[in-house]
Amino acid sequence: MSSLQDPILEGLARGWKVHGGPHAPLRAALDCDVAIIGSGAGAGITAEMLARAGLKIVLVEEGPLRSSRQFRQREADAYPQLYQEAAGRKTRDQAINILQGRCVGGSTTVNWAGAFRTPPEVLAHWGERFGLSDFSAAAMAPWFEQVERRLHISPWPTEPNANNDVLRRGAEALGLAAKVVSRNVKGCWNLGSCGLGCPTNAKQSMLVSTLPTALDLGATLLVQTRARRLRLKDGRVDALLAEPVTLDGQVSGPALTITARHYVVAGGAINSPALLLRSDAPDPHGLLGRRTFLHPTAGGTALFETEVAGWAGAPLSVYVDHFLHQAPLDGPMGYKLEVAPVHPGFALTNGGGLGPELAERARQMPRTQLIIALMRDGFHAQSAGGRVLLRDDGSPVLDYALNDYLLDGVHRAYLSMAEIQFAAGARTVRPVHEQAAPYRNLAEARAGIAALRMQPFIATVGSAHVMGGCTMAADAGRGVVRPDGQHWQIANLSVHDGSLFPTSLGANPQQTVYGLANKLSAGLIQRLGGRAQPLA
């Protein structure tokens, strides 16, 4: 298939069963073998595998179905259509901005295409602390290999863009290993707009890979349809109650009922725990919605003499994980360094500054470079994550505190980023912190960063990775979900998304979700009496 074709339009023309929004009307009642809530990384892998096993599938997605013809590389188009809360989702205290997808394909449609296997030390920790002995690096390798083949995950083969090359040059000048990111792309045009929807269908998101396969095999997709509540009876899900919604989330019609032999919750961390909370799911140990992690992310900008054009080229192709390994997992918080694309709306909204100062930063944007530090939370007593709560209208919100332990990691990361940027030839550097100034040399940066007040709102922190809230564990006292993905107290309910994670990863999470969903779906198919086939 040529990357200039639109697989979504072609599938609709072939007769895909898509209902909701501008598509065919929703029916008041549907019946299937498996209802899957969500359409992102976990849902997409699950849908293809179950459909290939001959099971009748219904997918329920709150967001719209969009395709390459509508991905125009414009932030003003992408954020309100493709992201949760128009890319404005925040923690309960408003201190952390959270980027999550809300469209067919979920966050895989709008992420930056970085794909990493789960770090072995994290899987070992899960085995030791949560009894997940069947999830070692060796045990997960075959499941990762399958998704790597299916989604064309491989190291980025060409030179990094100028934004990533700063991280590479600076790290190597300091004797740090700068590694190449593996990406799930095929025939990439190197445009740089991965976070706005790929306009060439090169990124192998669920939108253009697993979901079209499932739909070709007869799956039904409901879009602009919110999973409101699971109706529970005698330790089982009796039905899923859903409602049509507009693009801005308003209910737009009568409710519908979906009955199934089995239900797979894969709406992503925050949304999956929220659905179970709205459904009054059993929670005998008070674990539901807790231990929700973020990879809280700090930034550091640098100004160069020559143009960086941080919006152009693959947004993520180089990383440095040196600072994850300087202390034990349960020691001072470690962090991974990557870069972020310098798109105007994203960079100016999250970079701080007002009035003339902000205008000057806009003028400097072509020469501005941005490194980000992803904090690996979840391994220390003072890093127990956040908690998903429900607002009065049933919508979710994450309560997540930026405490001194976490902010100490942010503080140390500011200096690491500045050292790398100066080593790469930066004219000035400025941590993304309201009190920070442009520092002209490393000595100024050391003194300035040491003096910064480390408090929420003053130190800018965001996240694009949400994990946990439906922890998987070997016993009900430590987790919401069994090691096979099934809920401990609800016999016909499984969870197949990042909410399963007992901790964060210290690596971008999409491939971990793919691998887990692959393994768990194979087991689910067997429990439902089918025969699992490896991913094509």
Foldseek 3Di string as FASTA:
>chain_A
DFLQDKLVVVLVVVPFFEEFDPDNHDDQEAEWAEEEEAAALLNLLLLLFCLVLVTAYEYEAQAEEDILVQLPLDLVSQQLRWWVQSQAAAFPVRLAGETWTRYRHICLQADLFFADDFPQVQQVCCCVPFVLPCRGPVNLVVLLVLVCVQQVWDFDDDDAALQQVLLVQLCVLVVFDKDWTTGRFAPDPFFQRSNRGDNRCGHSGSSNGRVSSSSVSPYHYYYSKAFQEFADDPQAGQWTKIFHADSNGHGDDDIHIYGHSFYEYARAQLRSLLRCVSHVHDQPQPQFQWLKDFLKKWKKKFFAPDFRQLRTGSNWTIKGQVQCPPDPPADQWGKIKTWGRPDPVVCLVQLDDDDPVSVVCVVRSRRMHMMMIGTFAQRYPVRRFWGWDADPVSRIHTHGDPDPSNLVNVLVVNLVVQSSNVSSPTQWMWISFQQTDTHRDSVSSVVRSVPDDRDRPRRRIYGHDIAASQEEGCDSNQGQAHSLQHGPRRHRYGYQYRNHRSTGRSGRCSSVSSSSSQRSSQVVCVVSPTHGDRND
